[in-house]
Structures are given as C-alpha cells and as structure tokens.
Amino acid sequence: MSATDKRHATLKFVEGPTGPVLSARVPGNMSEEEFVAVSREAFKVVAGFHHCNCLSGRVSFVVEDIYSDVISVDLNKSVP
C-alpha cells in the first residue's frame, strides 16, 4: 500500500443549530476496528473540548461517509 492509498478519517468541529458538532468523515467500507479507532479519537477531542471526561450531550457527534452526498455546484453558471 502506497502513502497515497493510506486510509484515514477526518474529525472537524463545526457550529450546529443547537451547539458544537464534531463531524467524522470516514471511508464507507470501514471495519469495526477502524470505527473503534475513530471513536477513541473523537472521545479524546470531546474530552479536551470540555476539559474533562464528561460527555454530557453538549457536543453532537456525527459520522458520515466521505463520499456521501457529494454534489458539485458550478458557480460559474449564471442563474436563469
């Protein structure tokens, strides 16, 4: 496996309608072991956000397929 084929997930904080959301973008065919690894890192991020190990529901956690809902919008087209 080359460096360009390396599998990865991305964690990112965004502001949601009811507070912070930690979004995890993951490969669609991830294994259980990979999901556990992403969950472990998400827990560390949320604990660091709160400065404690409490997951009191103040941060939503969303896991999404990297390739889900990919829509390309051509911004160079004029609107009719």
C-alpha atoms as a PDB file:
ATOM      1  CA  MET A   1       0.000   0.000   0.000  1.00  0.00           C
ATOM      2  CA  SER A   2       1.482   3.367  -1.000  1.00  0.00           C
ATOM      3  CA  ALA A   3       1.255   6.558   1.049  1.00  0.00           C
ATOM      4  CA  THR A   4      -1.460   7.843  -1.298  1.00  0.00           C
ATOM      5  CA  ASP A   5      -3.596   4.749  -0.597  1.00  0.00           C
ATOM      6  CA  LYS A   6      -3.483   5.171   3.175  1.00  0.00           C
ATOM      7  CA  ARG A   7      -6.955   5.113   4.721  1.00  0.00           C
ATOM      8  CA  HIS A   8      -7.894   7.962   7.019  1.00  0.00           C
ATOM      9  CA  ALA A   9     -10.757   9.689   8.778  1.00  0.00           C
ATOM     10  CA  THR A  10     -11.113  13.400   9.437  1.00  0.00           C
ATOM     11  CA  LEU A  11     -12.521  14.943  12.627  1.00  0.00           C
ATOM     12  CA  LYS A  12     -13.761  18.529  12.493  1.00  0.00           C
ATOM     13  CA  PHE A  13     -15.697  20.811  14.852  1.00  0.00           C
ATOM     14  CA  VAL A  14     -18.473  22.908  13.326  1.00  0.00           C
ATOM     15  CA  GLU A  15     -21.203  25.013  14.893  1.00  0.00           C
ATOM     16  CA  GLY A  16     -24.575  23.289  14.602  1.00  0.00           C
ATOM     17  CA  PRO A  17     -28.072  24.686  15.225  1.00  0.00           C
ATOM     18  CA  THR A  18     -28.018  23.542  18.869  1.00  0.00           C
ATOM     19  CA  GLY A  19     -24.296  23.835  19.644  1.00  0.00           C
ATOM     20  CA  PRO A  20     -20.967  22.341  18.612  1.00  0.00           C
ATOM     21  CA  VAL A  21     -20.899  19.288  16.352  1.00  0.00           C
ATOM     22  CA  LEU A  22     -17.906  17.005  15.968  1.00  0.00           C
ATOM     23  CA  SER A  23     -18.084  15.576  12.465  1.00  0.00           C
ATOM     24  CA  ALA A  24     -16.143  12.460  11.498  1.00  0.00           C
ATOM     25  CA  ARG A  25     -15.735  11.829   7.770  1.00  0.00           C
ATOM     26  CA  VAL A  26     -14.826   8.189   7.257  1.00  0.00           C
ATOM     27  CA  PRO A  27     -14.384   5.675   4.414  1.00  0.00           C
ATOM     28  CA  GLY A  28     -17.677   3.989   3.554  1.00  0.00           C
ATOM     29  CA  ASN A  29     -16.340   0.464   3.942  1.00  0.00           C
ATOM     30  CA  MET A  30     -14.612   0.912   7.274  1.00  0.00           C
ATOM     31  CA  SER A  31     -14.018  -2.033   9.564  1.00  0.00           C
ATOM     32  CA  GLU A  32     -15.107  -2.352  13.172  1.00  0.00           C
ATOM     33  CA  GLU A  33     -11.509  -1.797  14.279  1.00  0.00           C
ATOM     34  CA  GLU A  34     -11.311   1.419  12.236  1.00  0.00           C
ATOM     35  CA  PHE A  35     -14.619   2.632  13.691  1.00  0.00           C
ATOM     36  CA  VAL A  36     -13.338   1.969  17.218  1.00  0.00           C
ATOM     37  CA  ALA A  37     -10.141   3.941  16.413  1.00  0.00           C
ATOM     38  CA  VAL A  38     -12.200   6.920  15.160  1.00  0.00           C
ATOM     39  CA  SER A  39     -14.480   6.740  18.215  1.00  0.00           C
ATOM     40  CA  ARG A  40     -11.480   6.710  20.550  1.00  0.00           C
ATOM     41  CA  GLU A  41     -10.052   9.845  18.923  1.00  0.00           C
ATOM     42  CA  ALA A  42     -13.465  11.547  18.973  1.00  0.00           C
ATOM     43  CA  PHE A  43     -13.734  10.863  22.707  1.00  0.00           C
ATOM     44  CA  LYS A  44     -10.314  12.488  23.252  1.00  0.00           C
ATOM     45  CA  VAL A  45     -11.338  15.541  21.224  1.00  0.00           C
ATOM     46  CA  VAL A  46     -14.646  15.979  23.083  1.00  0.00           C
ATOM     47  CA  ALA A  47     -12.962  15.461  26.485  1.00  0.00           C
ATOM     48  CA  GLY A  48     -10.376  18.086  25.545  1.00  0.00           C
ATOM     49  CA  PHE A  49     -13.135  20.453  24.424  1.00  0.00           C
ATOM     50  CA  HIS A  50     -14.826  20.170  27.837  1.00  0.00           C
ATOM     51  CA  HIS A  51     -11.530  19.846  29.752  1.00  0.00           C
ATOM     52  CA  CYS A  52     -12.963  16.749  31.443  1.00  0.00           C
ATOM     53  CA  ASN A  53     -14.058  13.216  30.574  1.00  0.00           C
ATOM     54  CA  CYS A  54     -17.767  14.048  30.632  1.00  0.00           C
ATOM     55  CA  LEU A  55     -19.859  13.517  27.522  1.00  0.00           C
ATOM     56  CA  SER A  56     -22.930  15.358  28.739  1.00  0.00           C
ATOM     57  CA  GLY A  57     -24.572  15.829  25.350  1.00  0.00           C
ATOM     58  CA  ARG A  58     -23.324  19.361  24.795  1.00  0.00           C
ATOM     59  CA  VAL A  59     -21.431  18.195  21.699  1.00  0.00           C
ATOM     60  CA  SER A  60     -23.138  16.238  18.932  1.00  0.00           C
ATOM     61  CA  PHE A  61     -21.082  13.571  17.164  1.00  0.00           C
ATOM     62  CA  VAL A  62     -21.836  12.796  13.509  1.00  0.00           C
ATOM     63  CA  VAL A  63     -20.148  10.083  11.463  1.00  0.00           C
ATOM     64  CA  GLU A  64     -20.516  10.406   7.708  1.00  0.00           C
ATOM     65  CA  ASP A  65     -19.218   8.548   4.698  1.00  0.00           C
ATOM     66  CA  ILE A  66     -16.524  10.564   2.880  1.00  0.00           C
ATOM     67  CA  TYR A  67     -18.359  10.010  -0.383  1.00  0.00           C
ATOM     68  CA  SER A  68     -21.920  10.580   0.816  1.00  0.00           C
ATOM     69  CA  ASP A  69     -23.923  13.468  -0.570  1.00  0.00           C
ATOM     70  CA  VAL A  70     -21.130  14.710  -2.801  1.00  0.00           C
ATOM     71  CA  ILE A  71     -22.649  17.396  -5.003  1.00  0.00           C
ATOM     72  CA  SER A  72     -20.703  19.678  -7.257  1.00  0.00           C
ATOM     73  CA  VAL A  73     -22.152  23.105  -7.980  1.00  0.00           C
ATOM     74  CA  ASP A  74     -20.796  25.098 -10.907  1.00  0.00           C
ATOM     75  CA  LEU A  75     -20.604  28.657  -9.576  1.00  0.00           C
ATOM     76  CA  ASN A  76     -19.577  29.988 -12.993  1.00  0.00           C
ATOM     77  CA  LYS A  77     -23.037  29.317 -14.479  1.00  0.00           C
ATOM     78  CA  SER A  78     -25.437  32.200 -14.422  1.00  0.00           C
ATOM     79  CA  VAL A  79     -28.786  31.697 -12.751  1.00  0.00           C
ATOM     80  CA  PRO A  80     -31.725  31.879 -15.226  1.00  0.00           C
END
